Amino acid sequence: MTQKNEILDTCLMAGRIMIESGSEMYRVEDTMQRIAHNAGASASSIFSTPTGLFMALPAQDTVQIQPITTRTINLEKVDRVNALSRQFAEHKVTLHQLHQRLEMLDHDVPFFPLWLQIIAAAVVSCTLMIIYGGVWADFIPSAVVGAIGYVVLYFIRERLAVSFLSEFMAAFTIGLLSWALVHWHLGQSLDMIIIGAVMPLVPGVAITNAVRDMLAGHLLSGLARGMEALFSVSAIGIGIALIFRFFS
């Protein structure tokens, strides 16, 4: 692989990993530019969107495109890419070593185990339910419903490639279980249990990144991410609304 191609491949791989992991666009472009500069490219032009990356080295008349097919939230991978970029800037690794380590990071996905994610979803659900004005009698029901809703979200997202279906089915499951618990007198407030249980589903990071991209001047990326977050919120809302429409 020639040096100019290796620079582009390394920069585009770093940018793709960061976008797929939920990083802001200005951070992606800054990281790519720093890698290119430290690799000896005097100038680089980068155009980033949530669905694709374009990078050119004007001095070498070279352009490459990198499609983005998946998007999730994994801020640990974003941090690891930034750490590798800093190591390269400090000459602790070579460009070839940086490329190899990014490939390893791309395939060896660091993530918390499923059981820990489920516990975290349960804790978030019950604690936020209390914060939003719920009663302690709904503490355990909210935790159970939130955990089950997250399990539905996880497995549908892993097995089906239909966007926003996982959020809809998880929200519908949460609404149905919440109604059943209240109907069987195992919970007191249907509203509070649902509010707490849907919190792990809310795309808070996506909404925050959309606003930050807009403020940073990345209007296209900000609007695209904002619309994606809006569709996720709408799917959650429709799933809950069906329960209120037919069961309440």
C-alpha atoms as a PDB file:
ATOM      1  CA  MET A   1       0.000   0.000   0.000  1.00  0.00           C
ATOM      2  CA  THR A   2       1.436   3.421  -0.984  1.00  0.00           C
ATOM      3  CA  GLN A   3       1.809   6.055   1.706  1.00  0.00           C
ATOM      4  CA  LYS A   4      -0.910   8.349   0.347  1.00  0.00           C
ATOM      5  CA  ASN A   5      -3.385   5.466   0.183  1.00  0.00           C
ATOM      6  CA  GLU A   6      -2.450   4.361   3.676  1.00  0.00           C
ATOM      7  CA  ILE A   7      -3.017   7.893   4.989  1.00  0.00           C
ATOM      8  CA  LEU A   8      -6.468   8.020   3.418  1.00  0.00           C
ATOM      9  CA  ASP A   9      -7.388   4.500   4.507  1.00  0.00           C
ATOM     10  CA  THR A  10      -6.294   5.173   8.082  1.00  0.00           C
ATOM     11  CA  CYS A  11      -8.084   8.517   8.328  1.00  0.00           C
ATOM     12  CA  LEU A  12     -11.285   7.180   6.788  1.00  0.00           C
ATOM     13  CA  MET A  13     -11.265   4.113   9.043  1.00  0.00           C
ATOM     14  CA  ALA A  14     -10.842   6.308  12.121  1.00  0.00           C
ATOM     15  CA  GLY A  15     -13.650   8.594  10.969  1.00  0.00           C
ATOM     16  CA  ARG A  16     -15.979   5.711  10.139  1.00  0.00           C
ATOM     17  CA  ILE A  17     -15.476   4.055  13.535  1.00  0.00           C
ATOM     18  CA  MET A  18     -16.185   7.344  15.289  1.00  0.00           C
ATOM     19  CA  ILE A  19     -19.357   8.097  13.303  1.00  0.00           C
ATOM     20  CA  GLU A  20     -20.652   4.536  13.730  1.00  0.00           C
ATOM     21  CA  SER A  21     -20.022   4.897  17.475  1.00  0.00           C
ATOM     22  CA  GLY A  22     -21.962   8.150  17.846  1.00  0.00           C
ATOM     23  CA  SER A  23     -19.244  10.812  17.767  1.00  0.00           C
ATOM     24  CA  GLU A  24     -19.908  14.427  16.810  1.00  0.00           C
ATOM     25  CA  MET A  25     -18.926  15.408  13.269  1.00  0.00           C
ATOM     26  CA  TYR A  26     -16.543  18.184  14.270  1.00  0.00           C
ATOM     27  CA  ARG A  27     -14.637  15.700  16.447  1.00  0.00           C
ATOM     28  CA  VAL A  28     -14.492  13.238  13.542  1.00  0.00           C
ATOM     29  CA  GLU A  29     -13.106  15.815  11.131  1.00  0.00           C
ATOM     30  CA  ASP A  30     -10.620  17.156  13.683  1.00  0.00           C
ATOM     31  CA  THR A  31      -9.274  13.656  14.396  1.00  0.00           C
ATOM     32  CA  MET A  32      -8.944  12.831  10.704  1.00  0.00           C
ATOM     33  CA  GLN A  33      -7.160  16.100   9.963  1.00  0.00           C
ATOM     34  CA  ARG A  34      -4.735  15.587  12.834  1.00  0.00           C
ATOM     35  CA  ILE A  35      -3.884  12.058  11.675  1.00  0.00           C
ATOM     36  CA  ALA A  36      -3.322  13.274   8.104  1.00  0.00           C
ATOM     37  CA  HIS A  37      -1.182  16.204   9.265  1.00  0.00           C
ATOM     38  CA  ASN A  38       0.952  14.039  11.555  1.00  0.00           C
ATOM     39  CA  ALA A  39       1.369  11.525   8.713  1.00  0.00           C
ATOM     40  CA  GLY A  40       2.932  14.206   6.534  1.00  0.00           C
ATOM     41  CA  ALA A  41      -0.022  15.417   4.463  1.00  0.00           C
ATOM     42  CA  SER A  42       0.335  19.188   4.225  1.00  0.00           C
ATOM     43  CA  ALA A  43      -3.383  19.698   3.538  1.00  0.00           C
ATOM     44  CA  SER A  44      -6.536  17.602   3.556  1.00  0.00           C
ATOM     45  CA  SER A  45     -10.169  18.198   2.625  1.00  0.00           C
ATOM     46  CA  ILE A  46     -12.895  16.317   4.489  1.00  0.00           C
ATOM     47  CA  PHE A  47     -16.654  16.242   4.005  1.00  0.00           C
ATOM     48  CA  SER A  48     -18.558  14.206   6.581  1.00  0.00           C
ATOM     49  CA  THR A  49     -22.181  13.103   6.762  1.00  0.00           C
ATOM     50  CA  PRO A  50     -23.908  10.461   8.919  1.00  0.00           C
ATOM     51  CA  THR A  51     -24.033   8.141   5.897  1.00  0.00           C
ATOM     52  CA  GLY A  52     -20.672   8.732   4.244  1.00  0.00           C
ATOM     53  CA  LEU A  53     -17.193  10.253   4.455  1.00  0.00           C
ATOM     54  CA  PHE A  54     -15.266  11.990   1.666  1.00  0.00           C
ATOM     55  CA  MET A  55     -11.579  12.793   2.037  1.00  0.00           C
ATOM     56  CA  ALA A  56      -9.088  14.252  -0.406  1.00  0.00           C
ATOM     57  CA  LEU A  57      -5.391  15.062  -0.333  1.00  0.00           C
ATOM     58  CA  PRO A  58      -5.189  17.990  -2.773  1.00  0.00           C
ATOM     59  CA  ALA A  59      -1.406  17.891  -3.014  1.00  0.00           C
ATOM     60  CA  GLN A  60      -1.574  14.308  -4.275  1.00  0.00           C
ATOM     61  CA  ASP A  61      -4.802  14.530  -6.333  1.00  0.00           C
ATOM     62  CA  THR A  62      -6.267  11.616  -4.370  1.00  0.00           C
ATOM     63  CA  VAL A  63      -9.867  11.200  -3.191  1.00  0.00           C
ATOM     64  CA  GLN A  64     -11.565   8.327  -1.346  1.00  0.00           C
ATOM     65  CA  ILE A  65     -15.118   7.685  -0.175  1.00  0.00           C
ATOM     66  CA  GLN A  66     -16.147   5.659   2.864  1.00  0.00           C
ATOM     67  CA  PRO A  67     -19.829   4.689   3.293  1.00  0.00           C
ATOM     68  CA  ILE A  68     -21.373   4.556   6.785  1.00  0.00           C
ATOM     69  CA  THR A  69     -23.921   1.745   7.047  1.00  0.00           C
ATOM     70  CA  THR A  70     -24.520   1.405  10.799  1.00  0.00           C
ATOM     71  CA  ARG A  71     -24.869   3.908  13.633  1.00  0.00           C
ATOM     72  CA  THR A  72     -24.999   3.217  17.341  1.00  0.00           C
ATOM     73  CA  ILE A  73     -23.699   4.656  20.610  1.00  0.00           C
ATOM     74  CA  ASN A  74     -20.352   3.338  21.839  1.00  0.00           C
ATOM     75  CA  LEU A  75     -18.378   6.226  23.309  1.00  0.00           C
ATOM     76  CA  GLU A  76     -15.629   3.870  24.484  1.00  0.00           C
ATOM     77  CA  LYS A  77     -14.648   3.258  20.855  1.00  0.00           C
ATOM     78  CA  VAL A  78     -14.640   7.010  20.219  1.00  0.00           C
ATOM     79  CA  ASP A  79     -12.289   7.477  23.176  1.00  0.00           C
ATOM     80  CA  ARG A  80      -9.999   4.676  21.957  1.00  0.00           C
ATOM     81  CA  VAL A  81      -9.728   6.207  18.477  1.00  0.00           C
ATOM     82  CA  ASN A  82      -8.803   9.557  20.036  1.00  0.00           C
ATOM     83  CA  ALA A  83      -6.243   7.824  22.259  1.00  0.00           C
ATOM     84  CA  LEU A  84      -4.650   6.101  19.240  1.00  0.00           C
ATOM     85  CA  SER A  85      -4.602   9.426  17.386  1.00  0.00           C
ATOM     86  CA  ARG A  86      -2.746  11.062  20.292  1.00  0.00           C
ATOM     87  CA  GLN A  87      -0.249   8.183  20.412  1.00  0.00           C
ATOM     88  CA  PHE A  88       0.410   8.686  16.697  1.00  0.00           C
ATOM     89  CA  ALA A  89       0.872  12.435  17.206  1.00  0.00           C
ATOM     90  CA  GLU A  90       3.414  11.702  19.953  1.00  0.00           C
ATOM     91  CA  HIS A  91       5.256   9.270  17.609  1.00  0.00           C
ATOM     92  CA  LYS A  92       4.592   6.320  19.911  1.00  0.00           C
ATOM     93  CA  VAL A  93       3.171   4.336  16.970  1.00  0.00           C
ATOM     94  CA  THR A  94       3.792   4.446  13.237  1.00  0.00           C
ATOM     95  CA  LEU A  95       1.125   5.040  10.598  1.00  0.00           C
ATOM     96  CA  HIS A  96       1.101   1.333   9.747  1.00  0.00           C
ATOM     97  CA  GLN A  97       0.715   0.388  13.416  1.00  0.00           C
ATOM     98  CA  LEU A  98      -2.083   2.920  13.795  1.00  0.00           C
ATOM     99  CA  HIS A  99      -3.865   1.368  10.817  1.00  0.00           C
ATOM    100  CA  GLN A 100      -3.504  -2.130  12.292  1.00  0.00           C
ATOM    101  CA  ARG A 101      -4.765  -1.073  15.728  1.00  0.00           C
ATOM    102  CA  LEU A 102      -7.768   0.675  14.201  1.00  0.00           C
ATOM    103  CA  GLU A 103      -8.585  -2.548  12.325  1.00  0.00           C
ATOM    104  CA  MET A 104      -8.386  -4.475  15.589  1.00  0.00           C
ATOM    105  CA  LEU A 105     -10.617  -1.923  17.319  1.00  0.00           C
ATOM    106  CA  ASP A 106     -13.107  -2.095  14.450  1.00  0.00           C
ATOM    107  CA  HIS A 107     -13.475  -5.879  14.660  1.00  0.00           C
ATOM    108  CA  ASP A 108     -12.992  -6.402  18.401  1.00  0.00           C
ATOM    109  CA  VAL A 109     -15.909  -4.288  19.619  1.00  0.00           C
ATOM    110  CA  PRO A 110     -15.464  -3.250  23.270  1.00  0.00           C
ATOM    111  CA  PHE A 111     -18.884  -3.295  24.920  1.00  0.00           C
ATOM    112  CA  PHE A 112     -20.422  -4.038  28.272  1.00  0.00           C
ATOM    113  CA  PRO A 113     -21.931  -7.532  28.659  1.00  0.00           C
ATOM    114  CA  LEU A 114     -25.682  -7.855  28.116  1.00  0.00           C
ATOM    115  CA  TRP A 115     -26.447  -8.688  31.756  1.00  0.00           C
ATOM    116  CA  LEU A 116     -24.775  -5.463  32.889  1.00  0.00           C
ATOM    117  CA  GLN A 117     -26.684  -3.445  30.282  1.00  0.00           C
ATOM    118  CA  ILE A 118     -29.956  -4.946  31.528  1.00  0.00           C
ATOM    119  CA  ILE A 119     -29.112  -4.087  35.135  1.00  0.00           C
ATOM    120  CA  ALA A 120     -28.201  -0.542  34.090  1.00  0.00           C
ATOM    121  CA  ALA A 121     -31.515  -0.179  32.239  1.00  0.00           C
ATOM    122  CA  ALA A 122     -33.391  -1.355  35.337  1.00  0.00           C
ATOM    123  CA  VAL A 123     -31.537   1.094  37.593  1.00  0.00           C
ATOM    124  CA  VAL A 124     -32.082   4.000  35.207  1.00  0.00           C
ATOM    125  CA  SER A 125     -35.785   3.182  34.920  1.00  0.00           C
ATOM    126  CA  CYS A 126     -36.605   2.995  38.615  1.00  0.00           C
ATOM    127  CA  THR A 127     -34.422   5.888  39.747  1.00  0.00           C
ATOM    128  CA  LEU A 128     -35.677   8.307  37.095  1.00  0.00           C
ATOM    129  CA  MET A 129     -39.244   7.246  37.860  1.00  0.00           C
ATOM    130  CA  ILE A 130     -38.717   8.438  41.437  1.00  0.00           C
ATOM    131  CA  ILE A 131     -37.025  11.649  40.275  1.00  0.00           C
ATOM    132  CA  TYR A 132     -39.964  12.458  37.992  1.00  0.00           C
ATOM    133  CA  GLY A 133     -42.409  12.215  40.903  1.00  0.00           C
ATOM    134  CA  GLY A 134     -43.266   8.526  41.159  1.00  0.00           C
ATOM    135  CA  VAL A 135     -43.942   6.610  44.357  1.00  0.00           C
ATOM    136  CA  TRP A 136     -41.721   3.992  45.989  1.00  0.00           C
ATOM    137  CA  ALA A 137     -44.404   1.341  45.476  1.00  0.00           C
ATOM    138  CA  ASP A 138     -43.630   1.500  41.731  1.00  0.00           C
ATOM    139  CA  PHE A 139     -39.849   1.225  42.211  1.00  0.00           C
ATOM    140  CA  ILE A 140     -39.555  -2.523  41.579  1.00  0.00           C
ATOM    141  CA  PRO A 141     -42.263  -2.671  38.839  1.00  0.00           C
ATOM    142  CA  SER A 142     -40.564   0.160  36.964  1.00  0.00           C
ATOM    143  CA  ALA A 143     -37.176  -1.586  37.192  1.00  0.00           C
ATOM    144  CA  VAL A 144     -38.609  -4.889  35.931  1.00  0.00           C
ATOM    145  CA  VAL A 145     -40.512  -3.294  33.048  1.00  0.00           C
ATOM    146  CA  GLY A 146     -37.509  -1.173  32.057  1.00  0.00           C
ATOM    147  CA  ALA A 147     -35.231  -4.225  32.021  1.00  0.00           C
ATOM    148  CA  ILE A 148     -37.651  -6.289  29.914  1.00  0.00           C
ATOM    149  CA  GLY A 149     -38.161  -3.384  27.523  1.00  0.00           C
ATOM    150  CA  TYR A 150     -34.406  -3.088  27.027  1.00  0.00           C
ATOM    151  CA  VAL A 151     -34.110  -6.834  26.367  1.00  0.00           C
ATOM    152  CA  VAL A 152     -36.769  -6.525  23.632  1.00  0.00           C
ATOM    153  CA  LEU A 153     -34.927  -3.528  22.168  1.00  0.00           C
ATOM    154  CA  TYR A 154     -31.595  -5.379  22.169  1.00  0.00           C
ATOM    155  CA  PHE A 155     -32.715  -8.639  20.571  1.00  0.00           C
ATOM    156  CA  ILE A 156     -34.919  -7.067  17.888  1.00  0.00           C
ATOM    157  CA  ARG A 157     -32.108  -4.668  16.973  1.00  0.00           C
ATOM    158  CA  GLU A 158     -29.641  -7.558  16.762  1.00  0.00           C
ATOM    159  CA  ARG A 159     -31.844  -9.856  14.645  1.00  0.00           C
ATOM    160  CA  LEU A 160     -33.778  -7.491  12.383  1.00  0.00           C
ATOM    161  CA  ALA A 161     -32.393  -4.817  10.092  1.00  0.00           C
ATOM    162  CA  VAL A 162     -35.548  -2.669  10.162  1.00  0.00           C
ATOM    163  CA  SER A 163     -34.882   0.820  11.451  1.00  0.00           C
ATOM    164  CA  PHE A 164     -36.953   2.042  14.418  1.00  0.00           C
ATOM    165  CA  LEU A 165     -38.867  -1.264  14.738  1.00  0.00           C
ATOM    166  CA  SER A 166     -36.881  -2.160  17.861  1.00  0.00           C
ATOM    167  CA  GLU A 167     -37.839   1.118  19.578  1.00  0.00           C
ATOM    168  CA  PHE A 168     -41.497   0.642  18.650  1.00  0.00           C
ATOM    169  CA  MET A 169     -41.683  -2.954  19.891  1.00  0.00           C
ATOM    170  CA  ALA A 170     -39.785  -2.151  23.089  1.00  0.00           C
ATOM    171  CA  ALA A 171     -42.090   0.781  23.845  1.00  0.00           C
ATOM    172  CA  PHE A 172     -45.175  -1.313  23.088  1.00  0.00           C
ATOM    173  CA  THR A 173     -43.895  -4.051  25.409  1.00  0.00           C
ATOM    174  CA  ILE A 174     -43.217  -1.503  28.148  1.00  0.00           C
ATOM    175  CA  GLY A 175     -46.704  -0.043  27.806  1.00  0.00           C
ATOM    176  CA  LEU A 176     -48.371  -3.448  27.808  1.00  0.00           C
ATOM    177  CA  LEU A 177     -46.439  -4.719  30.843  1.00  0.00           C
ATOM    178  CA  SER A 178     -47.047  -1.477  32.737  1.00  0.00           C
ATOM    179  CA  TRP A 179     -50.783  -1.700  32.067  1.00  0.00           C
ATOM    180  CA  ALA A 180     -50.825  -5.348  33.167  1.00  0.00           C
ATOM    181  CA  LEU A 181     -49.010  -4.594  36.448  1.00  0.00           C
ATOM    182  CA  VAL A 182     -51.371  -1.750  37.297  1.00  0.00           C
ATOM    183  CA  HIS A 183     -54.397  -3.813  36.247  1.00  0.00           C
ATOM    184  CA  TRP A 184     -53.290  -6.651  38.544  1.00  0.00           C
ATOM    185  CA  HIS A 185     -52.602  -4.149  41.378  1.00  0.00           C
ATOM    186  CA  LEU A 186     -48.860  -4.791  41.299  1.00  0.00           C
ATOM    187  CA  GLY A 187     -48.216  -1.143  40.462  1.00  0.00           C
ATOM    188  CA  GLN A 188     -49.942   2.129  41.286  1.00  0.00           C
ATOM    189  CA  SER A 189     -49.244   4.722  38.591  1.00  0.00           C
ATOM    190  CA  LEU A 190     -49.333   3.630  34.944  1.00  0.00           C
ATOM    191  CA  ASP A 191     -47.909   6.967  33.790  1.00  0.00           C
ATOM    192  CA  MET A 192     -44.929   6.943  36.161  1.00  0.00           C
ATOM    193  CA  ILE A 193     -43.982   3.321  35.434  1.00  0.00           C
ATOM    194  CA  ILE A 194     -44.024   3.994  31.690  1.00  0.00           C
ATOM    195  CA  ILE A 195     -42.088   7.264  32.034  1.00  0.00           C
ATOM    196  CA  GLY A 196     -39.337   5.542  34.006  1.00  0.00           C
ATOM    197  CA  ALA A 197     -39.185   2.421  31.843  1.00  0.00           C
ATOM    198  CA  VAL A 198     -38.866   4.255  28.507  1.00  0.00           C
ATOM    199  CA  MET A 199     -35.892   6.342  29.663  1.00  0.00           C
ATOM    200  CA  PRO A 200     -33.278   3.757  28.513  1.00  0.00           C
ATOM    201  CA  LEU A 201     -34.835   3.913  25.033  1.00  0.00           C
ATOM    202  CA  VAL A 202     -34.691   7.702  24.622  1.00  0.00           C
ATOM    203  CA  PRO A 203     -31.941   8.724  22.124  1.00  0.00           C
ATOM    204  CA  GLY A 204     -30.449  11.380  24.377  1.00  0.00           C
ATOM    205  CA  VAL A 205     -26.907  11.186  22.980  1.00  0.00           C
ATOM    206  CA  ALA A 206     -28.200  11.399  19.392  1.00  0.00           C
ATOM    207  CA  ILE A 207     -30.268  14.479  20.199  1.00  0.00           C
ATOM    208  CA  THR A 208     -27.327  16.123  21.985  1.00  0.00           C
ATOM    209  CA  ASN A 209     -24.958  15.400  19.095  1.00  0.00           C
ATOM    210  CA  ALA A 210     -27.469  16.772  16.587  1.00  0.00           C
ATOM    211  CA  VAL A 211     -27.634  20.051  18.494  1.00  0.00           C
ATOM    212  CA  ARG A 212     -23.841  20.202  18.879  1.00  0.00           C
ATOM    213  CA  ASP A 213     -23.356  19.571  15.140  1.00  0.00           C
ATOM    214  CA  MET A 214     -25.808  22.362  14.343  1.00  0.00           C
ATOM    215  CA  LEU A 215     -24.015  24.767  16.678  1.00  0.00           C
ATOM    216  CA  ALA A 216     -20.656  23.766  15.164  1.00  0.00           C
ATOM    217  CA  GLY A 217     -21.924  24.626  11.664  1.00  0.00           C
ATOM    218  CA  HIS A 218     -22.485  21.076  10.409  1.00  0.00           C
ATOM    219  CA  LEU A 219     -26.031  21.819   9.276  1.00  0.00           C
ATOM    220  CA  LEU A 220     -26.485  18.747   7.059  1.00  0.00           C
ATOM    221  CA  SER A 221     -25.243  16.322   9.706  1.00  0.00           C
ATOM    222  CA  GLY A 222     -27.170  18.091  12.455  1.00  0.00           C
ATOM    223  CA  LEU A 223     -30.444  17.929  10.536  1.00  0.00           C
ATOM    224  CA  ALA A 224     -29.918  14.297   9.514  1.00  0.00           C
ATOM    225  CA  ARG A 225     -29.128  13.187  13.051  1.00  0.00           C
ATOM    226  CA  GLY A 226     -31.970  15.274  14.413  1.00  0.00           C
ATOM    227  CA  MET A 227     -34.431  13.604  12.051  1.00  0.00           C
ATOM    228  CA  GLU A 228     -33.099  10.157  12.964  1.00  0.00           C
ATOM    229  CA  ALA A 229     -33.576  10.946  16.665  1.00  0.00           C
ATOM    230  CA  LEU A 230     -37.053  12.329  15.923  1.00  0.00           C
ATOM    231  CA  PHE A 231     -38.063   9.090  14.182  1.00  0.00           C
ATOM    232  CA  SER A 232     -36.782   7.075  17.156  1.00  0.00           C
ATOM    233  CA  VAL A 233     -38.777   9.219  19.582  1.00  0.00           C
ATOM    234  CA  SER A 234     -41.841   8.939  17.331  1.00  0.00           C
ATOM    235  CA  ALA A 235     -41.566   5.133  17.265  1.00  0.00           C
ATOM    236  CA  ILE A 236     -41.406   5.103  21.069  1.00  0.00           C
ATOM    237  CA  GLY A 237     -44.374   7.454  21.306  1.00  0.00           C
ATOM    238  CA  ILE A 238     -46.499   5.423  18.891  1.00  0.00           C
ATOM    239  CA  GLY A 239     -45.775   2.207  20.805  1.00  0.00           C
ATOM    240  CA  ILE A 240     -46.932   3.794  24.067  1.00  0.00           C
ATOM    241  CA  ALA A 241     -49.894   5.558  22.437  1.00  0.00           C
ATOM    242  CA  LEU A 242     -51.315   2.251  21.192  1.00  0.00           C
ATOM    243  CA  ILE A 243     -51.508   1.013  24.783  1.00  0.00           C
ATOM    244  CA  PHE A 244     -53.357   4.111  25.956  1.00  0.00           C
ATOM    245  CA  ARG A 245     -55.667   3.928  22.949  1.00  0.00           C
ATOM    246  CA  PHE A 246     -56.739   0.302  23.291  1.00  0.00           C
ATOM    247  CA  PHE A 247     -56.102  -0.644  26.930  1.00  0.00           C
ATOM    248  CA  SER A 248     -56.751   2.475  29.005  1.00  0.00           C
END
